[in-house]
PDB file of all heavy atoms in Angstrom:
ATOM      1  N   ALA A   1      19.775   9.149   5.209  1.00  0.00           N
ATOM      2  CA  ALA A   1      20.098   8.194   4.159  1.00  0.00           C
ATOM      3  C   ALA A   1      21.582   8.228   3.890  1.00  0.00           C
ATOM      4  O   ALA A   1      22.232   9.260   4.061  1.00  0.00           O
ATOM      5  CB  ALA A   1      19.323   8.492   2.872  1.00  0.00           C
ATOM      6  N   SER A   2      22.122   7.116   3.467  1.00  0.00           N
ATOM      7  CA  SER A   2      23.518   7.048   3.075  1.00  0.00           C
ATOM      8  C   SER A   2      23.651   6.109   1.895  1.00  0.00           C
ATOM      9  O   SER A   2      22.793   5.259   1.652  1.00  0.00           O
ATOM     10  CB  SER A   2      24.418   6.596   4.233  1.00  0.00           C
ATOM     11  OG  SER A   2      24.143   5.260   4.597  1.00  0.00           O
ATOM     12  N   ILE A   3      24.751   6.259   1.185  1.00  0.00           N
ATOM     13  CA  ILE A   3      24.973   5.432   0.011  1.00  0.00           C
ATOM     14  C   ILE A   3      26.468   5.254  -0.193  1.00  0.00           C
ATOM     15  O   ILE A   3      27.254   6.182  -0.016  1.00  0.00           O
ATOM     16  CB  ILE A   3      24.300   6.051  -1.240  1.00  0.00           C
ATOM     17  CG1 ILE A   3      24.369   5.103  -2.429  1.00  0.00           C
ATOM     18  CG2 ILE A   3      24.898   7.413  -1.569  1.00  0.00           C
ATOM     19  CD1 ILE A   3      23.478   5.526  -3.592  1.00  0.00           C
ATOM     20  N   THR A   4      26.858   4.049  -0.541  1.00  0.00           N
ATOM     21  CA  THR A   4      28.239   3.780  -0.890  1.00  0.00           C
ATOM     22  C   THR A   4      28.450   4.057  -2.364  1.00  0.00           C
ATOM     23  O   THR A   4      27.503   4.213  -3.144  1.00  0.00           O
ATOM     24  CB  THR A   4      28.621   2.332  -0.586  1.00  0.00           C
ATOM     25  OG1 THR A   4      27.946   1.453  -1.500  1.00  0.00           O
ATOM     26  CG2 THR A   4      28.262   1.955   0.847  1.00  0.00           C
ATOM     27  N   THR A   5      29.709   4.100  -2.762  1.00  0.00           N
ATOM     28  CA  THR A   5      30.011   4.312  -4.172  1.00  0.00           C
ATOM     29  C   THR A   5      29.604   3.124  -5.023  1.00  0.00           C
ATOM     30  O   THR A   5      29.561   3.235  -6.251  1.00  0.00           O
ATOM     31  CB  THR A   5      31.499   4.616  -4.366  1.00  0.00           C
ATOM     32  OG1 THR A   5      32.292   3.596  -3.755  1.00  0.00           O
ATOM     33  CG2 THR A   5      31.853   5.964  -3.746  1.00  0.00           C
ATOM     34  N   ASP A   6      29.326   2.000  -4.390  1.00  0.00           N
ATOM     35  CA  ASP A   6      28.785   0.842  -5.091  1.00  0.00           C
ATOM     36  C   ASP A   6      27.269   0.901  -5.225  1.00  0.00           C
ATOM     37  O   ASP A   6      26.668   0.014  -5.828  1.00  0.00           O
ATOM     38  CB  ASP A   6      29.180  -0.454  -4.383  1.00  0.00           C
ATOM     39  CG  ASP A   6      30.655  -0.751  -4.483  1.00  0.00           C
ATOM     40  OD1 ASP A   6      31.269  -0.374  -5.496  1.00  0.00           O
ATOM     41  OD2 ASP A   6      31.199  -1.369  -3.543  1.00  0.00           O
ATOM     42  N   GLY A   7      26.665   1.913  -4.647  1.00  0.00           N
ATOM     43  CA  GLY A   7      25.235   2.085  -4.769  1.00  0.00           C
ATOM     44  C   GLY A   7      24.411   1.431  -3.682  1.00  0.00           C
ATOM     45  O   GLY A   7      23.183   1.338  -3.818  1.00  0.00           O
ATOM     46  N   GLU A   8      25.035   0.983  -2.609  1.00  0.00           N
ATOM     47  CA  GLU A   8      24.305   0.392  -1.495  1.00  0.00           C
ATOM     48  C   GLU A   8      23.754   1.497  -0.623  1.00  0.00           C
ATOM     49  O   GLU A   8      24.512   2.239   0.001  1.00  0.00           O
ATOM     50  CB  GLU A   8      25.220  -0.529  -0.692  1.00  0.00           C
ATOM     51  CG  GLU A   8      25.784  -1.679  -1.493  1.00  0.00           C
ATOM     52  CD  GLU A   8      26.761  -2.525  -0.702  1.00  0.00           C
ATOM     53  OE1 GLU A   8      26.986  -2.231   0.484  1.00  0.00           O
ATOM     54  OE2 GLU A   8      27.304  -3.482  -1.270  1.00  0.00           O
ATOM     55  N   ALA A   9      22.449   1.588  -0.568  1.00  0.00           N
ATOM     56  CA  ALA A   9      21.789   2.673   0.136  1.00  0.00           C
ATOM     57  C   ALA A   9      21.045   2.165   1.355  1.00  0.00           C
ATOM     58  O   ALA A   9      20.500   1.055   1.353  1.00  0.00           O
ATOM     59  CB  ALA A   9      20.822   3.397  -0.790  1.00  0.00           C
ATOM     60  N   VAL A  10      21.029   2.971   2.387  1.00  0.00           N
ATOM     61  CA  VAL A  10      20.233   2.711   3.571  1.00  0.00           C
ATOM     62  C   VAL A  10      19.437   3.962   3.891  1.00  0.00           C
ATOM     63  O   VAL A  10      19.874   5.077   3.612  1.00  0.00           O
ATOM     64  CB  VAL A  10      21.083   2.285   4.787  1.00  0.00           C
ATOM     65  CG1 VAL A  10      21.787   0.967   4.512  1.00  0.00           C
ATOM     66  CG2 VAL A  10      22.089   3.363   5.151  1.00  0.00           C
ATOM     67  N   TYR A  11      18.270   3.755   4.482  1.00  0.00           N
ATOM     68  CA  TYR A  11      17.375   4.853   4.779  1.00  0.00           C
ATOM     69  C   TYR A  11      16.839   4.750   6.187  1.00  0.00           C
ATOM     70  O   TYR A  11      16.599   3.647   6.702  1.00  0.00           O
ATOM     71  CB  TYR A  11      16.181   4.870   3.823  1.00  0.00           C
ATOM     72  CG  TYR A  11      16.520   5.104   2.380  1.00  0.00           C
ATOM     73  CD1 TYR A  11      16.761   4.048   1.518  1.00  0.00           C
ATOM     74  CD2 TYR A  11      16.587   6.398   1.874  1.00  0.00           C
ATOM     75  CE1 TYR A  11      17.064   4.267   0.185  1.00  0.00           C
ATOM     76  CE2 TYR A  11      16.885   6.627   0.546  1.00  0.00           C
ATOM     77  CZ  TYR A  11      17.123   5.559  -0.297  1.00  0.00           C
ATOM     78  OH  TYR A  11      17.420   5.785  -1.623  1.00  0.00           O
ATOM     79  N   GLU A  12      16.645   5.886   6.794  1.00  0.00           N
ATOM     80  CA  GLU A  12      15.865   5.944   8.007  1.00  0.00           C
ATOM     81  C   GLU A  12      14.442   5.511   7.680  1.00  0.00           C
ATOM     82  O   GLU A  12      13.917   5.821   6.609  1.00  0.00           O
ATOM     83  CB  GLU A  12      15.881   7.365   8.571  1.00  0.00           C
ATOM     84  CG  GLU A  12      15.139   7.541   9.871  1.00  0.00           C
ATOM     85  CD  GLU A  12      15.038   8.994  10.284  1.00  0.00           C
ATOM     86  OE1 GLU A  12      15.080   9.869   9.395  1.00  0.00           O
ATOM     87  OE2 GLU A  12      14.906   9.252  11.485  1.00  0.00           O
ATOM     88  N   ASP A  13      13.818   4.795   8.593  1.00  0.00           N
ATOM     89  CA  ASP A  13      12.486   4.273   8.329  1.00  0.00           C
ATOM     90  C   ASP A  13      11.495   5.368   7.959  1.00  0.00           C
ATOM     91  O   ASP A  13      10.614   5.165   7.114  1.00  0.00           O
ATOM     92  CB  ASP A  13      11.968   3.500   9.544  1.00  0.00           C
ATOM     93  CG  ASP A  13      12.627   2.148   9.701  1.00  0.00           C
ATOM     94  OD1 ASP A  13      13.236   1.660   8.727  1.00  0.00           O
ATOM     95  OD2 ASP A  13      12.527   1.569  10.800  1.00  0.00           O
ATOM     96  N   SER A  14      11.626   6.515   8.576  1.00  0.00           N
ATOM     97  CA  SER A  14      10.652   7.574   8.362  1.00  0.00           C
ATOM     98  C   SER A  14      10.729   8.193   6.973  1.00  0.00           C
ATOM     99  O   SER A  14       9.785   8.866   6.547  1.00  0.00           O
ATOM    100  CB  SER A  14      10.811   8.664   9.423  1.00  0.00           C
ATOM    101  OG  SER A  14      12.071   9.300   9.322  1.00  0.00           O
ATOM    102  N   VAL A  15      11.831   8.000   6.269  1.00  0.00           N
ATOM    103  CA  VAL A  15      11.968   8.568   4.935  1.00  0.00           C
ATOM    104  C   VAL A  15      11.888   7.513   3.849  1.00  0.00           C
ATOM    105  O   VAL A  15      11.802   7.860   2.660  1.00  0.00           O
ATOM    106  CB  VAL A  15      13.279   9.369   4.783  1.00  0.00           C
ATOM    107  CG1 VAL A  15      13.446  10.352   5.927  1.00  0.00           C
ATOM    108  CG2 VAL A  15      14.490   8.446   4.672  1.00  0.00           C
ATOM    109  N   LYS A  16      11.912   6.263   4.223  1.00  0.00           N
ATOM    110  CA  LYS A  16      11.887   5.185   3.246  1.00  0.00           C
ATOM    111  C   LYS A  16      10.608   5.254   2.415  1.00  0.00           C
ATOM    112  O   LYS A  16       9.512   5.385   2.946  1.00  0.00           O
ATOM    113  CB  LYS A  16      12.008   3.832   3.946  1.00  0.00           C
ATOM    114  CG  LYS A  16      12.217   2.656   3.007  1.00  0.00           C
ATOM    115  CD  LYS A  16      12.470   1.366   3.783  1.00  0.00           C
ATOM    116  CE  LYS A  16      13.754   1.437   4.579  1.00  0.00           C
ATOM    117  NZ  LYS A  16      14.050   0.142   5.262  1.00  0.00           N
ATOM    118  N   GLY A  17      10.774   5.153   1.118  1.00  0.00           N
ATOM    119  CA  GLY A  17       9.649   5.254   0.206  1.00  0.00           C
ATOM    120  C   GLY A  17       9.349   6.662  -0.239  1.00  0.00           C
ATOM    121  O   GLY A  17       8.582   6.858  -1.191  1.00  0.00           O
ATOM    122  N   ARG A  18       9.912   7.646   0.429  1.00  0.00           N
ATOM    123  CA  ARG A  18       9.705   9.039   0.077  1.00  0.00           C
ATOM    124  C   ARG A  18      10.978   9.706  -0.435  1.00  0.00           C
ATOM    125  O   ARG A  18      10.918  10.536  -1.339  1.00  0.00           O
ATOM    126  CB  ARG A  18       9.173   9.831   1.271  1.00  0.00           C
ATOM    127  CG  ARG A  18       7.845   9.317   1.804  1.00  0.00           C
ATOM    128  CD  ARG A  18       7.275  10.245   2.872  1.00  0.00           C
ATOM    129  NE  ARG A  18       8.142  10.339   4.039  1.00  0.00           N
ATOM    130  CZ  ARG A  18       8.744  11.462   4.437  1.00  0.00           C
ATOM    131  NH1 ARG A  18       8.559  12.590   3.772  1.00  0.00           N
ATOM    132  NH2 ARG A  18       9.511  11.455   5.519  1.00  0.00           N
ATOM    133  N   PHE A  19      12.099   9.344   0.153  1.00  0.00           N
ATOM    134  CA  PHE A  19      13.380   9.920  -0.237  1.00  0.00           C
ATOM    135  C   PHE A  19      14.177   8.903  -1.033  1.00  0.00           C
ATOM    136  O   PHE A  19      14.103   7.690  -0.788  1.00  0.00           O
ATOM    137  CB  PHE A  19      14.210  10.323   0.983  1.00  0.00           C
ATOM    138  CG  PHE A  19      13.652  11.458   1.802  1.00  0.00           C
ATOM    139  CD1 PHE A  19      12.416  12.023   1.531  1.00  0.00           C
ATOM    140  CD2 PHE A  19      14.389  11.962   2.859  1.00  0.00           C
ATOM    141  CE1 PHE A  19      11.910  13.064   2.283  1.00  0.00           C
ATOM    142  CE2 PHE A  19      13.902  13.006   3.625  1.00  0.00           C
ATOM    143  CZ  PHE A  19      12.665  13.558   3.346  1.00  0.00           C
ATOM    144  N   THR A  20      14.955   9.392  -1.963  1.00  0.00           N
ATOM    145  CA  THR A  20      15.846   8.554  -2.736  1.00  0.00           C
ATOM    146  C   THR A  20      17.223   9.195  -2.764  1.00  0.00           C
ATOM    147  O   THR A  20      17.359  10.357  -3.143  1.00  0.00           O
ATOM    148  CB  THR A  20      15.345   8.352  -4.174  1.00  0.00           C
ATOM    149  OG1 THR A  20      14.038   7.764  -4.160  1.00  0.00           O
ATOM    150  CG2 THR A  20      16.291   7.430  -4.938  1.00  0.00           C
ATOM    151  N   ILE A  21      18.223   8.433  -2.362  1.00  0.00           N
ATOM    152  CA  ILE A  21      19.589   8.914  -2.389  1.00  0.00           C
ATOM    153  C   ILE A  21      20.297   8.300  -3.587  1.00  0.00           C
ATOM    154  O   ILE A  21      20.080   7.141  -3.930  1.00  0.00           O
ATOM    155  CB  ILE A  21      20.327   8.597  -1.070  1.00  0.00           C
ATOM    156  CG1 ILE A  21      21.671   9.323  -1.007  1.00  0.00           C
ATOM    157  CG2 ILE A  21      20.483   7.103  -0.854  1.00  0.00           C
ATOM    158  CD1 ILE A  21      22.320   9.278   0.369  1.00  0.00           C
ATOM    159  N   SER A  22      21.123   9.082  -4.226  1.00  0.00           N
ATOM    160  CA  SER A  22      21.878   8.605  -5.370  1.00  0.00           C
ATOM    161  C   SER A  22      23.257   9.237  -5.353  1.00  0.00           C
ATOM    162  O   SER A  22      23.467  10.287  -4.738  1.00  0.00           O
ATOM    163  CB  SER A  22      21.160   8.919  -6.686  1.00  0.00           C
ATOM    164  OG  SER A  22      20.982  10.311  -6.856  1.00  0.00           O
ATOM    165  N   ILE A  23      24.189   8.595  -6.034  1.00  0.00           N
ATOM    166  CA  ILE A  23      25.554   9.083  -6.045  1.00  0.00           C
ATOM    167  C   ILE A  23      26.090   9.071  -7.462  1.00  0.00           C
ATOM    168  O   ILE A  23      25.812   8.160  -8.243  1.00  0.00           O
ATOM    169  CB  ILE A  23      26.454   8.252  -5.092  1.00  0.00           C
ATOM    170  CG1 ILE A  23      27.822   8.907  -4.915  1.00  0.00           C
ATOM    171  CG2 ILE A  23      26.583   6.810  -5.570  1.00  0.00           C
ATOM    172  CD1 ILE A  23      28.617   8.322  -3.759  1.00  0.00           C
ATOM    173  N   ASP A  24      26.819  10.098  -7.791  1.00  0.00           N
ATOM    174  CA  ASP A  24      27.524  10.209  -9.058  1.00  0.00           C
ATOM    175  C   ASP A  24      29.008  10.106  -8.731  1.00  0.00           C
ATOM    176  O   ASP A  24      29.594  11.043  -8.189  1.00  0.00           O
ATOM    177  CB  ASP A  24      27.195  11.527  -9.750  1.00  0.00           C
ATOM    178  CG  ASP A  24      27.810  11.647 -11.132  1.00  0.00           C
ATOM    179  OD1 ASP A  24      28.872  11.053 -11.386  1.00  0.00           O
ATOM    180  OD2 ASP A  24      27.214  12.351 -11.973  1.00  0.00           O
ATOM    181  N   ASN A  25      29.604   8.978  -9.057  1.00  0.00           N
ATOM    182  CA  ASN A  25      30.992   8.741  -8.686  1.00  0.00           C
ATOM    183  C   ASN A  25      31.978   9.570  -9.503  1.00  0.00           C
ATOM    184  O   ASN A  25      33.110   9.790  -9.072  1.00  0.00           O
ATOM    185  CB  ASN A  25      31.321   7.255  -8.825  1.00  0.00           C
ATOM    186  CG  ASN A  25      30.599   6.396  -7.823  1.00  0.00           C
ATOM    187  OD1 ASN A  25      30.453   6.772  -6.662  1.00  0.00           O
ATOM    188  ND2 ASN A  25      30.148   5.223  -8.259  1.00  0.00           N
ATOM    189  N   VAL A  26      31.555  10.019 -10.673  1.00  0.00           N
ATOM    190  CA  VAL A  26      32.426  10.853 -11.493  1.00  0.00           C
ATOM    191  C   VAL A  26      32.509  12.255 -10.917  1.00  0.00           C
ATOM    192  O   VAL A  26      33.583  12.847 -10.822  1.00  0.00           O
ATOM    193  CB  VAL A  26      31.944  10.880 -12.947  1.00  0.00           C
ATOM    194  CG1 VAL A  26      32.795  11.836 -13.774  1.00  0.00           C
ATOM    195  CG2 VAL A  26      31.981   9.487 -13.542  1.00  0.00           C
ATOM    196  N   LYS A  27      31.371  12.788 -10.535  1.00  0.00           N
ATOM    197  CA  LYS A  27      31.309  14.138  -9.994  1.00  0.00           C
ATOM    198  C   LYS A  27      31.505  14.187  -8.488  1.00  0.00           C
ATOM    199  O   LYS A  27      31.574  15.285  -7.921  1.00  0.00           O
ATOM    200  CB  LYS A  27      29.969  14.778 -10.344  1.00  0.00           C
ATOM    201  CG  LYS A  27      29.719  14.918 -11.835  1.00  0.00           C
ATOM    202  CD  LYS A  27      28.355  15.536 -12.101  1.00  0.00           C
ATOM    203  CE  LYS A  27      28.091  15.690 -13.587  1.00  0.00           C
ATOM    204  NZ  LYS A  27      26.751  16.263 -13.857  1.00  0.00           N
ATOM    205  N   ASN A  28      31.592  13.022  -7.839  1.00  0.00           N
ATOM    206  CA  ASN A  28      31.653  12.959  -6.378  1.00  0.00           C
ATOM    207  C   ASN A  28      30.515  13.756  -5.760  1.00  0.00           C
ATOM    208  O   ASN A  28      30.711  14.572  -4.861  1.00  0.00           O
ATOM    209  CB  ASN A  28      33.003  13.436  -5.854  1.00  0.00           C
ATOM    210  CG  ASN A  28      34.106  12.434  -6.094  1.00  0.00           C
ATOM    211  OD1 ASN A  28      33.876  11.225  -6.120  1.00  0.00           O
ATOM    212  ND2 ASN A  28      35.328  12.925  -6.261  1.00  0.00           N
ATOM    213  N   THR A  29      29.342  13.493  -6.264  1.00  0.00           N
ATOM    214  CA  THR A  29      28.157  14.208  -5.839  1.00  0.00           C
ATOM    215  C   THR A  29      27.098  13.224  -5.391  1.00  0.00           C
ATOM    216  O   THR A  29      26.853  12.214  -6.056  1.00  0.00           O
ATOM    217  CB  THR A  29      27.604  15.075  -6.975  1.00  0.00           C
ATOM    218  OG1 THR A  29      28.564  16.076  -7.326  1.00  0.00           O
ATOM    219  CG2 THR A  29      26.311  15.754  -6.567  1.00  0.00           C
ATOM    220  N   VAL A  30      26.488  13.518  -4.281  1.00  0.00           N
ATOM    221  CA  VAL A  30      25.371  12.734  -3.789  1.00  0.00           C
ATOM    222  C   VAL A  30      24.138  13.619  -3.775  1.00  0.00           C
ATOM    223  O   VAL A  30      24.218  14.811  -3.455  1.00  0.00           O
ATOM    224  CB  VAL A  30      25.660  12.144  -2.388  1.00  0.00           C
ATOM    225  CG1 VAL A  30      25.788  13.239  -1.337  1.00  0.00           C
ATOM    226  CG2 VAL A  30      24.590  11.140  -1.991  1.00  0.00           C
ATOM    227  N   SER A  31      23.018  13.041  -4.148  1.00  0.00           N
ATOM    228  CA  SER A  31      21.763  13.772  -4.183  1.00  0.00           C
ATOM    229  C   SER A  31      20.748  13.088  -3.298  1.00  0.00           C
ATOM    230  O   SER A  31      20.786  11.868  -3.106  1.00  0.00           O
ATOM    231  CB  SER A  31      21.223  13.867  -5.610  1.00  0.00           C
ATOM    232  OG  SER A  31      22.104  14.577  -6.450  1.00  0.00           O
ATOM    233  N   LEU A  32      19.855  13.870  -2.771  1.00  0.00           N
ATOM    234  CA  LEU A  32      18.739  13.355  -1.997  1.00  0.00           C
ATOM    235  C   LEU A  32      17.464  13.925  -2.582  1.00  0.00           C
ATOM    236  O   LEU A  32      17.192  15.119  -2.433  1.00  0.00           O
ATOM    237  CB  LEU A  32      18.869  13.721  -0.521  1.00  0.00           C
ATOM    238  CG  LEU A  32      17.829  13.096   0.405  1.00  0.00           C
ATOM    239  CD1 LEU A  32      18.034  11.586   0.504  1.00  0.00           C
ATOM    240  CD2 LEU A  32      17.877  13.728   1.792  1.00  0.00           C
ATOM    241  N   GLN A  33      16.730  13.085  -3.271  1.00  0.00           N
ATOM    242  CA  GLN A  33      15.442  13.476  -3.812  1.00  0.00           C
ATOM    243  C   GLN A  33      14.390  13.254  -2.739  1.00  0.00           C
ATOM    244  O   GLN A  33      14.166  12.126  -2.307  1.00  0.00           O
ATOM    245  CB  GLN A  33      15.113  12.672  -5.066  1.00  0.00           C
ATOM    246  CG  GLN A  33      13.758  13.001  -5.686  1.00  0.00           C
ATOM    247  CD  GLN A  33      13.668  14.418  -6.196  1.00  0.00           C
ATOM    248  OE1 GLN A  33      14.592  14.905  -6.846  1.00  0.00           O
ATOM    249  NE2 GLN A  33      12.567  15.099  -5.888  1.00  0.00           N
ATOM    250  N   MET A  34      13.770  14.318  -2.314  1.00  0.00           N
ATOM    251  CA  MET A  34      12.797  14.285  -1.242  1.00  0.00           C
ATOM    252  C   MET A  34      11.417  14.500  -1.840  1.00  0.00           C
ATOM    253  O   MET A  34      11.102  15.585  -2.322  1.00  0.00           O
ATOM    254  CB  MET A  34      13.100  15.363  -0.199  1.00  0.00           C
ATOM    255  CG  MET A  34      14.520  15.292   0.350  1.00  0.00           C
ATOM    256  SD  MET A  34      15.003  16.767   1.292  1.00  0.00           S
ATOM    257  CE  MET A  34      13.771  16.774   2.593  1.00  0.00           C
ATOM    258  N   ASN A  35      10.605  13.470  -1.798  1.00  0.00           N
ATOM    259  CA  ASN A  35       9.245  13.541  -2.307  1.00  0.00           C
ATOM    260  C   ASN A  35       8.253  13.396  -1.170  1.00  0.00           C
ATOM    261  O   ASN A  35       8.547  12.792  -0.138  1.00  0.00           O
ATOM    262  CB  ASN A  35       9.001  12.448  -3.351  1.00  0.00           C
ATOM    263  CG  ASN A  35       9.818  12.623  -4.600  1.00  0.00           C
ATOM    264  OD1 ASN A  35      10.146  13.740  -4.994  1.00  0.00           O
ATOM    265  ND2 ASN A  35      10.152  11.509  -5.251  1.00  0.00           N
ATOM    266  N   ASN A  36       7.063  13.936  -1.399  1.00  0.00           N
ATOM    267  CA  ASN A  36       6.004  13.855  -0.391  1.00  0.00           C
ATOM    268  C   ASN A  36       6.516  14.267   0.978  1.00  0.00           C
ATOM    269  O   ASN A  36       6.348  13.557   1.968  1.00  0.00           O
ATOM    270  CB  ASN A  36       5.416  12.444  -0.358  1.00  0.00           C
ATOM    271  CG  ASN A  36       4.142  12.350   0.451  1.00  0.00           C
ATOM    272  OD1 ASN A  36       3.424  13.338   0.622  1.00  0.00           O
ATOM    273  ND2 ASN A  36       3.851  11.162   0.975  1.00  0.00           N
ATOM    274  N   VAL A  37       7.122  15.419   1.030  1.00  0.00           N
ATOM    275  CA  VAL A  37       7.734  15.861   2.277  1.00  0.00           C
ATOM    276  C   VAL A  37       6.664  16.178   3.316  1.00  0.00           C
ATOM    277  O   VAL A  37       5.526  16.533   2.992  1.00  0.00           O
ATOM    278  CB  VAL A  37       8.656  17.069   2.053  1.00  0.00           C
ATOM    279  CG1 VAL A  37       9.826  16.664   1.166  1.00  0.00           C
ATOM    280  CG2 VAL A  37       7.900  18.245   1.447  1.00  0.00           C
ATOM    281  N   LYS A  38       7.052  16.031   4.563  1.00  0.00           N
ATOM    282  CA  LYS A  38       6.181  16.251   5.698  1.00  0.00           C
ATOM    283  C   LYS A  38       6.787  17.315   6.605  1.00  0.00           C
ATOM    284  O   LYS A  38       7.999  17.540   6.572  1.00  0.00           O
ATOM    285  CB  LYS A  38       5.996  14.949   6.483  1.00  0.00           C
ATOM    286  CG  LYS A  38       5.440  13.795   5.666  1.00  0.00           C
ATOM    287  CD  LYS A  38       5.381  12.519   6.487  1.00  0.00           C
ATOM    288  CE  LYS A  38       4.828  11.370   5.680  1.00  0.00           C
ATOM    289  NZ  LYS A  38       4.766  10.115   6.480  1.00  0.00           N
TER     290      LYS A  38
END
């Protein structure tokens, strides 16, 4: 997964719907929430 500072996110098909990427532009931090992992 990747995300721009504008919040445009793309996902690999295999993780779509399970993973969520987010970015905090103040902290320069990106997170990947992984749910229903396989």
